[in-house]
Amino acid sequence: MTDDDKDLFRRAMTGTKPLRAESRAPEPGKKPKPKARFAAADREEVLRESLHADVDTMEYGNADSLRFQRASVSRTTMRMLARGSYAIQAEIDLHGMTVAEAKPRLAAFIERCARNNKLCIRIVHGKGLGSGDRGPVLKMSVNRWLRQWDAVLAFVSARQVDGGTGAIYVLLRSS
């Protein structure tokens, strides 16, 4: 390069700012390090949502699926439960009942199953399609009750073949 070329280049660059090191193109033969640009913002958003969520109706996956587990229940156990890997030892069909009719029947059923060591059960609560604008009243009530009863270790919405979001698999503590 001649002195004239250098002078021309300097005049052309007047008023420009150097690039920050992390904004520069990678050197030939070197791959840039991956950078999770939105990870911190995503974590903050999840935390913010969880603090404002109603614990009684907090659901997993989509808005129709229910999921709950006590601290003593492993992720592997929950995965197996969700896949329908455990044999259903008893079931009760509550759909069509009122909340007042369903609660004592469900409580007695849970107590009887736990006493008889029937540890994996299915509860059919329905999808709430007949509840109109109120939404799935019985489904949400069952969700709330099961979380309060000590005999219940975990529950998750059933596979489609077993009732889908209108039923749940429940693991009980042996008595």
N, C-alpha and C. Protein backbone atom coordinates (compact mmCIF):
# COMPACT_ATOMS: atom_id res chain seq x y z
N MET A 1 0.85 -1.19 0.00
CA MET A 1 0.00 0.00 0.00
C MET A 1 0.89 1.25 0.00
N THR A 2 0.45 2.20 -0.75
CA THR A 2 1.20 3.46 -0.81
C THR A 2 0.72 4.38 0.29
N ASP A 3 1.45 5.47 0.48
CA ASP A 3 1.04 6.46 1.47
C ASP A 3 -0.29 7.09 1.08
N ASP A 4 -0.50 7.28 -0.23
CA ASP A 4 -1.77 7.85 -0.70
C ASP A 4 -2.95 6.91 -0.37
N ASP A 5 -2.74 5.59 -0.53
CA ASP A 5 -3.77 4.61 -0.20
C ASP A 5 -4.11 4.66 1.29
N LYS A 6 -3.08 4.74 2.12
CA LYS A 6 -3.29 4.80 3.57
C LYS A 6 -4.04 6.07 3.95
N ASP A 7 -3.67 7.20 3.34
CA ASP A 7 -4.32 8.47 3.63
C ASP A 7 -5.78 8.43 3.19
N LEU A 8 -6.04 7.86 2.02
CA LEU A 8 -7.40 7.72 1.51
C LEU A 8 -8.25 6.84 2.46
N PHE A 9 -7.67 5.76 2.92
CA PHE A 9 -8.37 4.86 3.85
C PHE A 9 -8.71 5.58 5.15
N ARG A 10 -7.75 6.32 5.72
CA ARG A 10 -7.99 7.05 6.97
C ARG A 10 -9.11 8.08 6.79
N ARG A 11 -9.14 8.79 5.69
CA ARG A 11 -10.20 9.77 5.44
C ARG A 11 -11.56 9.08 5.29
N ALA A 12 -11.57 7.93 4.66
CA ALA A 12 -12.83 7.18 4.48
C ALA A 12 -13.36 6.66 5.83
N MET A 13 -12.49 6.42 6.76
CA MET A 13 -12.87 5.88 8.07
C MET A 13 -13.16 6.97 9.10
N THR A 14 -13.04 8.24 8.73
CA THR A 14 -13.30 9.33 9.66
C THR A 14 -14.73 9.23 10.19
N GLY A 15 -14.87 9.30 11.54
CA GLY A 15 -16.18 9.25 12.18
C GLY A 15 -16.69 7.85 12.48
N THR A 16 -15.98 6.84 12.08
CA THR A 16 -16.41 5.47 12.38
C THR A 16 -15.85 5.04 13.73
N LYS A 17 -16.49 4.02 14.30
CA LYS A 17 -16.05 3.47 15.59
C LYS A 17 -15.64 2.02 15.38
N PRO A 18 -14.61 1.60 16.10
CA PRO A 18 -14.21 0.19 15.97
C PRO A 18 -15.30 -0.75 16.50
N LEU A 19 -15.42 -1.91 15.92
CA LEU A 19 -16.36 -2.93 16.39
C LEU A 19 -15.92 -3.46 17.74
N ARG A 20 -16.92 -3.82 18.57
CA ARG A 20 -16.59 -4.50 19.82
C ARG A 20 -16.07 -5.88 19.46
N ALA A 21 -15.23 -6.41 20.31
CA ALA A 21 -14.58 -7.69 20.02
C ALA A 21 -15.61 -8.80 19.77
N GLU A 22 -16.71 -8.85 20.57
CA GLU A 22 -17.67 -9.94 20.41
C GLU A 22 -18.56 -9.78 19.18
N SER A 23 -18.52 -8.59 18.52
CA SER A 23 -19.33 -8.37 17.34
C SER A 23 -18.59 -8.66 16.05
N ARG A 24 -17.31 -8.93 16.16
CA ARG A 24 -16.51 -9.16 14.97
C ARG A 24 -16.77 -10.56 14.40
N ALA A 25 -16.53 -10.67 13.13
CA ALA A 25 -16.65 -11.98 12.48
C ALA A 25 -15.58 -12.91 13.04
N PRO A 26 -15.90 -14.19 13.17
CA PRO A 26 -14.90 -15.12 13.70
C PRO A 26 -13.71 -15.25 12.74
N GLU A 27 -12.60 -15.56 13.34
CA GLU A 27 -11.40 -15.78 12.53
C GLU A 27 -11.61 -17.01 11.66
N PRO A 28 -11.01 -17.02 10.47
CA PRO A 28 -11.17 -18.19 9.60
C PRO A 28 -10.69 -19.46 10.31
N GLY A 29 -11.50 -20.51 10.23
CA GLY A 29 -11.13 -21.80 10.84
C GLY A 29 -11.57 -21.93 12.29
N LYS A 30 -12.06 -20.85 12.92
CA LYS A 30 -12.53 -20.91 14.30
C LYS A 30 -14.05 -20.76 14.31
N LYS A 31 -14.70 -21.62 15.08
CA LYS A 31 -16.15 -21.52 15.22
C LYS A 31 -16.44 -20.62 16.43
N PRO A 32 -17.44 -19.78 16.31
CA PRO A 32 -17.78 -18.94 17.47
C PRO A 32 -18.40 -19.78 18.58
N LYS A 33 -18.20 -19.34 19.81
CA LYS A 33 -18.80 -20.05 20.95
C LYS A 33 -20.29 -19.76 20.97
N PRO A 34 -21.12 -20.78 21.24
CA PRO A 34 -22.56 -20.55 21.31
C PRO A 34 -22.88 -19.69 22.53
N LYS A 35 -23.90 -18.84 22.38
CA LYS A 35 -24.28 -17.95 23.46
C LYS A 35 -25.80 -17.98 23.59
N ALA A 36 -26.32 -18.33 24.77
CA ALA A 36 -27.76 -18.35 25.01
C ALA A 36 -28.21 -16.93 25.30
N ARG A 37 -28.70 -16.26 24.28
CA ARG A 37 -29.02 -14.84 24.40
C ARG A 37 -30.27 -14.57 25.23
N PHE A 38 -31.24 -15.48 25.22
CA PHE A 38 -32.50 -15.21 25.89
C PHE A 38 -32.71 -16.08 27.13
N ALA A 39 -31.74 -16.87 27.53
CA ALA A 39 -31.91 -17.80 28.64
C ALA A 39 -32.27 -17.08 29.93
N ALA A 40 -31.58 -16.02 30.27
CA ALA A 40 -31.86 -15.30 31.53
C ALA A 40 -33.26 -14.71 31.50
N ALA A 41 -33.64 -14.10 30.38
CA ALA A 41 -34.98 -13.52 30.27
C ALA A 41 -36.06 -14.60 30.37
N ASP A 42 -35.82 -15.76 29.74
CA ASP A 42 -36.77 -16.86 29.82
C ASP A 42 -36.93 -17.36 31.25
N ARG A 43 -35.81 -17.52 31.97
CA ARG A 43 -35.88 -17.97 33.37
C ARG A 43 -36.66 -16.97 34.22
N GLU A 44 -36.42 -15.69 34.02
CA GLU A 44 -37.13 -14.67 34.78
C GLU A 44 -38.63 -14.70 34.48
N GLU A 45 -38.99 -14.90 33.23
CA GLU A 45 -40.41 -14.95 32.86
C GLU A 45 -41.11 -16.16 33.48
N VAL A 46 -40.45 -17.32 33.47
CA VAL A 46 -41.02 -18.52 34.09
C VAL A 46 -41.21 -18.30 35.59
N LEU A 47 -40.23 -17.71 36.24
CA LEU A 47 -40.33 -17.42 37.67
C LEU A 47 -41.48 -16.46 37.94
N ARG A 48 -41.58 -15.41 37.13
CA ARG A 48 -42.66 -14.43 37.30
C ARG A 48 -44.03 -15.11 37.15
N GLU A 49 -44.18 -15.96 36.13
CA GLU A 49 -45.45 -16.66 35.91
C GLU A 49 -45.77 -17.61 37.07
N SER A 50 -44.76 -18.31 37.58
CA SER A 50 -45.01 -19.26 38.65
C SER A 50 -45.43 -18.57 39.93
N LEU A 51 -44.94 -17.36 40.16
CA LEU A 51 -45.32 -16.63 41.37
C LEU A 51 -46.75 -16.12 41.32
N HIS A 52 -47.28 -15.95 40.11
CA HIS A 52 -48.64 -15.44 39.96
C HIS A 52 -49.66 -16.53 39.67
N ALA A 53 -49.20 -17.76 39.48
CA ALA A 53 -50.12 -18.86 39.15
C ALA A 53 -50.87 -19.33 40.39
N ASP A 54 -52.09 -19.78 40.18
CA ASP A 54 -52.90 -20.36 41.25
C ASP A 54 -52.49 -21.81 41.42
N VAL A 55 -51.95 -22.15 42.58
CA VAL A 55 -51.40 -23.49 42.79
C VAL A 55 -52.48 -24.57 42.66
N ASP A 56 -53.73 -24.24 42.96
CA ASP A 56 -54.79 -25.24 42.86
C ASP A 56 -55.12 -25.60 41.43
N THR A 57 -54.86 -24.70 40.52
CA THR A 57 -55.21 -25.00 39.13
C THR A 57 -53.99 -25.04 38.23
N MET A 58 -52.78 -25.02 38.81
CA MET A 58 -51.57 -25.07 38.00
C MET A 58 -51.53 -26.41 37.28
N GLU A 59 -51.35 -26.36 36.00
CA GLU A 59 -51.39 -27.56 35.20
C GLU A 59 -50.13 -27.68 34.39
N TYR A 60 -49.90 -28.85 33.91
CA TYR A 60 -48.68 -29.16 33.19
C TYR A 60 -48.99 -29.37 31.72
N GLY A 61 -48.07 -28.98 30.86
CA GLY A 61 -48.24 -29.24 29.43
C GLY A 61 -49.21 -28.27 28.82
N ASN A 62 -50.41 -28.72 28.52
CA ASN A 62 -51.39 -27.80 27.96
C ASN A 62 -52.42 -27.44 29.03
N ALA A 63 -53.35 -26.59 28.67
CA ALA A 63 -54.30 -26.08 29.65
C ALA A 63 -55.26 -27.15 30.16
N ASP A 64 -55.33 -28.30 29.51
CA ASP A 64 -56.27 -29.33 29.92
C ASP A 64 -55.64 -30.41 30.80
N SER A 65 -54.33 -30.56 30.78
CA SER A 65 -53.65 -31.64 31.48
C SER A 65 -53.40 -31.29 32.94
N LEU A 66 -53.58 -32.28 33.81
CA LEU A 66 -53.30 -32.11 35.24
C LEU A 66 -52.05 -32.89 35.60
N ARG A 67 -51.29 -32.37 36.58
CA ARG A 67 -50.08 -33.05 37.02
C ARG A 67 -49.75 -32.57 38.42
N PHE A 68 -49.41 -33.52 39.30
CA PHE A 68 -49.03 -33.19 40.68
C PHE A 68 -48.14 -34.31 41.20
N GLN A 69 -47.13 -33.94 41.99
CA GLN A 69 -46.30 -34.95 42.64
C GLN A 69 -45.74 -34.40 43.94
N ARG A 70 -45.69 -35.26 44.93
CA ARG A 70 -45.04 -34.89 46.19
C ARG A 70 -43.53 -34.99 45.97
N ALA A 71 -42.78 -34.37 46.86
CA ALA A 71 -41.32 -34.33 46.73
C ALA A 71 -40.70 -35.73 46.72
N SER A 72 -41.35 -36.68 47.36
CA SER A 72 -40.80 -38.03 47.45
C SER A 72 -40.96 -38.85 46.17
N VAL A 73 -41.70 -38.34 45.20
CA VAL A 73 -41.97 -39.08 43.96
C VAL A 73 -40.95 -38.64 42.91
N SER A 74 -40.25 -39.61 42.34
CA SER A 74 -39.18 -39.32 41.38
C SER A 74 -39.74 -38.95 40.00
N ARG A 75 -38.89 -38.32 39.20
CA ARG A 75 -39.26 -37.98 37.83
C ARG A 75 -39.51 -39.25 37.01
N THR A 76 -38.73 -40.29 37.28
CA THR A 76 -38.91 -41.55 36.57
C THR A 76 -40.28 -42.14 36.85
N THR A 77 -40.68 -42.10 38.11
CA THR A 77 -41.99 -42.60 38.49
C THR A 77 -43.09 -41.80 37.80
N MET A 78 -42.93 -40.48 37.76
CA MET A 78 -43.93 -39.64 37.10
C MET A 78 -43.99 -39.94 35.60
N ARG A 79 -42.84 -40.16 35.00
CA ARG A 79 -42.81 -40.48 33.57
C ARG A 79 -43.54 -41.80 33.32
N MET A 80 -43.28 -42.78 34.16
CA MET A 80 -43.95 -44.09 33.99
C MET A 80 -45.45 -43.96 34.21
N LEU A 81 -45.84 -43.16 35.20
CA LEU A 81 -47.26 -42.94 35.47
C LEU A 81 -47.93 -42.29 34.26
N ALA A 82 -47.31 -41.26 33.71
CA ALA A 82 -47.87 -40.55 32.57
C ALA A 82 -47.97 -41.44 31.33
N ARG A 83 -47.07 -42.41 31.20
CA ARG A 83 -47.10 -43.33 30.05
C ARG A 83 -48.09 -44.47 30.24
N GLY A 84 -48.71 -44.54 31.41
CA GLY A 84 -49.65 -45.62 31.68
C GLY A 84 -48.96 -46.94 31.93
N SER A 85 -47.73 -46.90 32.46
CA SER A 85 -46.94 -48.11 32.67
C SER A 85 -47.39 -48.94 33.86
N TYR A 86 -48.10 -48.32 34.78
CA TYR A 86 -48.55 -49.05 35.97
C TYR A 86 -49.94 -49.63 35.72
N ALA A 87 -50.17 -50.83 36.26
CA ALA A 87 -51.48 -51.47 36.11
C ALA A 87 -52.51 -50.73 36.96
N ILE A 88 -53.64 -50.42 36.36
CA ILE A 88 -54.73 -49.76 37.09
C ILE A 88 -55.42 -50.82 37.94
N GLN A 89 -55.42 -50.62 39.25
CA GLN A 89 -55.96 -51.62 40.17
C GLN A 89 -57.40 -51.34 40.58
N ALA A 90 -57.86 -50.11 40.37
CA ALA A 90 -59.25 -49.76 40.67
C ALA A 90 -59.56 -48.45 39.96
N GLU A 91 -60.84 -48.20 39.73
CA GLU A 91 -61.22 -46.93 39.13
C GLU A 91 -62.59 -46.49 39.60
N ILE A 92 -62.81 -45.19 39.51
CA ILE A 92 -64.11 -44.61 39.86
C ILE A 92 -64.47 -43.62 38.78
N ASP A 93 -65.74 -43.59 38.41
CA ASP A 93 -66.24 -42.67 37.38
C ASP A 93 -67.12 -41.63 38.06
N LEU A 94 -66.65 -40.40 38.10
CA LEU A 94 -67.37 -39.32 38.77
C LEU A 94 -68.10 -38.40 37.80
N HIS A 95 -67.78 -38.50 36.53
CA HIS A 95 -68.34 -37.48 35.63
C HIS A 95 -69.85 -37.59 35.57
N GLY A 96 -70.46 -36.41 35.56
CA GLY A 96 -71.91 -36.33 35.62
C GLY A 96 -72.41 -36.06 37.03
N MET A 97 -71.56 -36.25 38.05
CA MET A 97 -71.95 -35.98 39.44
C MET A 97 -71.75 -34.50 39.76
N THR A 98 -72.45 -34.06 40.79
CA THR A 98 -72.20 -32.71 41.30
C THR A 98 -70.98 -32.78 42.21
N VAL A 99 -70.42 -31.62 42.54
CA VAL A 99 -69.28 -31.56 43.45
C VAL A 99 -69.66 -32.14 44.81
N ALA A 100 -70.87 -31.83 45.27
CA ALA A 100 -71.34 -32.33 46.57
C ALA A 100 -71.48 -33.86 46.58
N GLU A 101 -71.86 -34.45 45.46
CA GLU A 101 -71.97 -35.90 45.37
C GLU A 101 -70.59 -36.55 45.23
N ALA A 102 -69.71 -35.92 44.46
CA ALA A 102 -68.43 -36.53 44.12
C ALA A 102 -67.44 -36.57 45.27
N LYS A 103 -67.37 -35.53 46.09
CA LYS A 103 -66.32 -35.46 47.11
C LYS A 103 -66.40 -36.60 48.12
N PRO A 104 -67.54 -36.89 48.73
CA PRO A 104 -67.56 -38.01 49.69
C PRO A 104 -67.31 -39.37 49.03
N ARG A 105 -67.80 -39.55 47.81
CA ARG A 105 -67.57 -40.82 47.11
C ARG A 105 -66.09 -41.00 46.79
N LEU A 106 -65.46 -39.92 46.33
CA LEU A 106 -64.03 -40.00 46.01
C LEU A 106 -63.21 -40.22 47.27
N ALA A 107 -63.53 -39.53 48.35
CA ALA A 107 -62.79 -39.68 49.60
C ALA A 107 -62.87 -41.12 50.11
N ALA A 108 -64.06 -41.69 50.07
CA ALA A 108 -64.23 -43.08 50.51
C ALA A 108 -63.48 -44.04 49.60
N PHE A 109 -63.53 -43.79 48.30
CA PHE A 109 -62.83 -44.63 47.32
C PHE A 109 -61.32 -44.60 47.56
N ILE A 110 -60.76 -43.43 47.74
CA ILE A 110 -59.32 -43.28 47.98
C ILE A 110 -58.93 -44.02 49.27
N GLU A 111 -59.69 -43.80 50.30
CA GLU A 111 -59.38 -44.43 51.60
C GLU A 111 -59.45 -45.96 51.49
N ARG A 112 -60.47 -46.48 50.81
CA ARG A 112 -60.63 -47.93 50.63
C ARG A 112 -59.49 -48.51 49.79
N CYS A 113 -59.10 -47.81 48.72
CA CYS A 113 -58.00 -48.29 47.87
C CYS A 113 -56.68 -48.31 48.63
N ALA A 114 -56.39 -47.27 49.38
CA ALA A 114 -55.14 -47.21 50.14
C ALA A 114 -55.10 -48.32 51.19
N ARG A 115 -56.22 -48.54 51.86
CA ARG A 115 -56.30 -49.59 52.89
C ARG A 115 -56.09 -50.97 52.29
N ASN A 116 -56.57 -51.19 51.06
CA ASN A 116 -56.47 -52.48 50.39
C ASN A 116 -55.24 -52.59 49.49
N ASN A 117 -54.28 -51.66 49.64
CA ASN A 117 -53.03 -51.64 48.87
C ASN A 117 -53.25 -51.61 47.36
N LYS A 118 -54.28 -50.93 46.93
CA LYS A 118 -54.47 -50.66 45.50
C LYS A 118 -53.82 -49.31 45.27
N LEU A 119 -52.61 -49.35 44.77
CA LEU A 119 -51.77 -48.16 44.76
C LEU A 119 -51.82 -47.33 43.48
N CYS A 120 -52.32 -47.91 42.41
CA CYS A 120 -52.47 -47.14 41.16
C CYS A 120 -53.93 -47.22 40.74
N ILE A 121 -54.57 -46.08 40.70
CA ILE A 121 -56.00 -46.03 40.38
C ILE A 121 -56.25 -45.01 39.27
N ARG A 122 -57.43 -45.11 38.68
CA ARG A 122 -57.84 -44.13 37.67
C ARG A 122 -59.12 -43.48 38.16
N ILE A 123 -59.16 -42.17 38.02
CA ILE A 123 -60.36 -41.40 38.36
C ILE A 123 -60.84 -40.73 37.08
N VAL A 124 -62.08 -41.01 36.71
CA VAL A 124 -62.70 -40.37 35.56
C VAL A 124 -63.52 -39.20 36.10
N HIS A 125 -63.11 -37.99 35.76
CA HIS A 125 -63.80 -36.79 36.26
C HIS A 125 -64.53 -36.06 35.14
N GLY A 126 -64.28 -36.43 33.90
CA GLY A 126 -64.90 -35.75 32.78
C GLY A 126 -64.11 -34.52 32.39
N LYS A 127 -64.48 -33.95 31.25
CA LYS A 127 -63.77 -32.78 30.73
C LYS A 127 -64.48 -31.47 31.02
N GLY A 128 -65.65 -31.55 31.63
CA GLY A 128 -66.37 -30.33 31.97
C GLY A 128 -67.14 -29.74 30.81
N LEU A 129 -67.40 -30.53 29.78
CA LEU A 129 -68.10 -30.01 28.61
C LEU A 129 -69.54 -29.61 28.93
N GLY A 130 -70.13 -30.23 29.96
CA GLY A 130 -71.50 -29.88 30.34
C GLY A 130 -71.57 -28.75 31.34
N SER A 131 -70.45 -28.20 31.72
CA SER A 131 -70.43 -27.13 32.74
C SER A 131 -70.62 -25.74 32.16
N GLY A 132 -70.64 -25.63 30.86
CA GLY A 132 -70.86 -24.33 30.22
C GLY A 132 -69.73 -23.36 30.51
N ASP A 133 -70.10 -22.11 30.80
CA ASP A 133 -69.12 -21.04 31.03
C ASP A 133 -68.29 -21.25 32.30
N ARG A 134 -68.77 -22.08 33.21
CA ARG A 134 -68.05 -22.30 34.47
C ARG A 134 -66.78 -23.10 34.26
N GLY A 135 -66.63 -23.74 33.12
CA GLY A 135 -65.45 -24.56 32.87
C GLY A 135 -65.58 -25.90 33.56
N PRO A 136 -64.50 -26.67 33.60
CA PRO A 136 -64.54 -28.02 34.18
C PRO A 136 -64.55 -27.99 35.72
N VAL A 137 -65.71 -27.78 36.30
CA VAL A 137 -65.86 -27.61 37.75
C VAL A 137 -65.41 -28.85 38.52
N LEU A 138 -65.91 -30.01 38.14
CA LEU A 138 -65.56 -31.25 38.85
C LEU A 138 -64.07 -31.57 38.68
N LYS A 139 -63.55 -31.38 37.50
CA LYS A 139 -62.14 -31.65 37.23
C LYS A 139 -61.25 -30.80 38.14
N MET A 140 -61.55 -29.51 38.25
CA MET A 140 -60.74 -28.62 39.10
C MET A 140 -60.92 -28.94 40.59
N SER A 141 -62.11 -29.38 40.96
CA SER A 141 -62.34 -29.77 42.35
C SER A 141 -61.54 -31.02 42.69
N VAL A 142 -61.55 -32.02 41.81
CA VAL A 142 -60.76 -33.24 42.02
C VAL A 142 -59.28 -32.89 42.12
N ASN A 143 -58.81 -32.02 41.27
CA ASN A 143 -57.42 -31.55 41.28
C ASN A 143 -57.07 -30.98 42.67
N ARG A 144 -57.94 -30.14 43.20
CA ARG A 144 -57.71 -29.50 44.51
C ARG A 144 -57.78 -30.52 45.65
N TRP A 145 -58.78 -31.39 45.64
CA TRP A 145 -58.94 -32.36 46.72
C TRP A 145 -57.76 -33.31 46.82
N LEU A 146 -57.35 -33.85 45.67
CA LEU A 146 -56.27 -34.84 45.68
C LEU A 146 -54.97 -34.26 46.24
N ARG A 147 -54.70 -33.00 45.98
CA ARG A 147 -53.49 -32.35 46.49
C ARG A 147 -53.52 -32.25 48.02
N GLN A 148 -54.70 -32.20 48.58
CA GLN A 148 -54.85 -32.02 50.03
C GLN A 148 -54.81 -33.34 50.81
N TRP A 149 -55.07 -34.45 50.15
CA TRP A 149 -55.15 -35.73 50.85
C TRP A 149 -53.78 -36.39 50.92
N ASP A 150 -53.37 -36.76 52.14
CA ASP A 150 -52.05 -37.35 52.36
C ASP A 150 -51.85 -38.69 51.65
N ALA A 151 -52.92 -39.42 51.43
CA ALA A 151 -52.80 -40.73 50.79
C ALA A 151 -52.37 -40.61 49.32
N VAL A 152 -52.53 -39.44 48.72
CA VAL A 152 -52.19 -39.23 47.31
C VAL A 152 -50.74 -38.79 47.18
N LEU A 153 -49.95 -39.61 46.45
CA LEU A 153 -48.55 -39.28 46.20
C LEU A 153 -48.37 -38.47 44.92
N ALA A 154 -49.14 -38.81 43.89
CA ALA A 154 -48.98 -38.15 42.59
C ALA A 154 -50.19 -38.42 41.72
N PHE A 155 -50.40 -37.56 40.75
CA PHE A 155 -51.39 -37.83 39.71
C PHE A 155 -51.03 -37.10 38.44
N VAL A 156 -51.53 -37.62 37.32
CA VAL A 156 -51.27 -37.04 36.01
C VAL A 156 -52.43 -37.41 35.09
N SER A 157 -52.73 -36.52 34.15
CA SER A 157 -53.81 -36.81 33.19
C SER A 157 -53.50 -38.11 32.45
N ALA A 158 -54.56 -38.85 32.18
CA ALA A 158 -54.44 -40.17 31.55
C ALA A 158 -54.08 -40.06 30.07
N ARG A 159 -53.59 -41.19 29.52
CA ARG A 159 -53.37 -41.28 28.08
C ARG A 159 -54.73 -41.22 27.39
N GLN A 160 -54.73 -40.86 26.12
CA GLN A 160 -55.97 -40.71 25.37
C GLN A 160 -56.81 -41.99 25.42
N VAL A 161 -56.18 -43.14 25.31
CA VAL A 161 -56.89 -44.41 25.31
C VAL A 161 -57.59 -44.69 26.65
N ASP A 162 -57.13 -44.05 27.73
CA ASP A 162 -57.72 -44.26 29.06
C ASP A 162 -58.57 -43.09 29.54
N GLY A 163 -58.93 -42.20 28.63
CA GLY A 163 -59.79 -41.08 29.01
C GLY A 163 -59.19 -39.71 28.77
N GLY A 164 -57.91 -39.67 28.43
CA GLY A 164 -57.26 -38.39 28.12
C GLY A 164 -57.40 -37.40 29.27
N THR A 165 -57.70 -36.15 28.92
CA THR A 165 -57.79 -35.11 29.94
C THR A 165 -59.09 -35.17 30.74
N GLY A 166 -59.91 -36.18 30.48
CA GLY A 166 -61.13 -36.39 31.28
C GLY A 166 -60.91 -37.41 32.38
N ALA A 167 -59.66 -37.86 32.57
CA ALA A 167 -59.35 -38.86 33.60
C ALA A 167 -57.91 -38.65 34.08
N ILE A 168 -57.61 -39.19 35.24
CA ILE A 168 -56.24 -39.11 35.76
C ILE A 168 -55.83 -40.44 36.36
N TYR A 169 -54.52 -40.70 36.24
CA TYR A 169 -53.90 -41.81 36.94
C TYR A 169 -53.42 -41.26 38.29
N VAL A 170 -53.63 -42.02 39.35
CA VAL A 170 -53.25 -41.58 40.70
C VAL A 170 -52.42 -42.65 41.36
N LEU A 171 -51.32 -42.25 41.98
CA LEU A 171 -50.51 -43.14 42.82
C LEU A 171 -50.84 -42.86 44.27
N LEU A 172 -51.12 -43.93 45.02
CA LEU A 172 -51.46 -43.78 46.43
C LEU A 172 -50.35 -44.33 47.32
N ARG A 173 -50.28 -43.79 48.51
CA ARG A 173 -49.36 -44.27 49.54
C ARG A 173 -49.99 -45.51 50.16
N SER A 174 -49.20 -46.54 50.41
CA SER A 174 -49.76 -47.73 51.06
C SER A 174 -49.94 -47.44 52.54
N SER A 175 -50.99 -48.01 53.10
CA SER A 175 -51.26 -47.74 54.52
C SER A 175 -50.82 -48.86 55.42
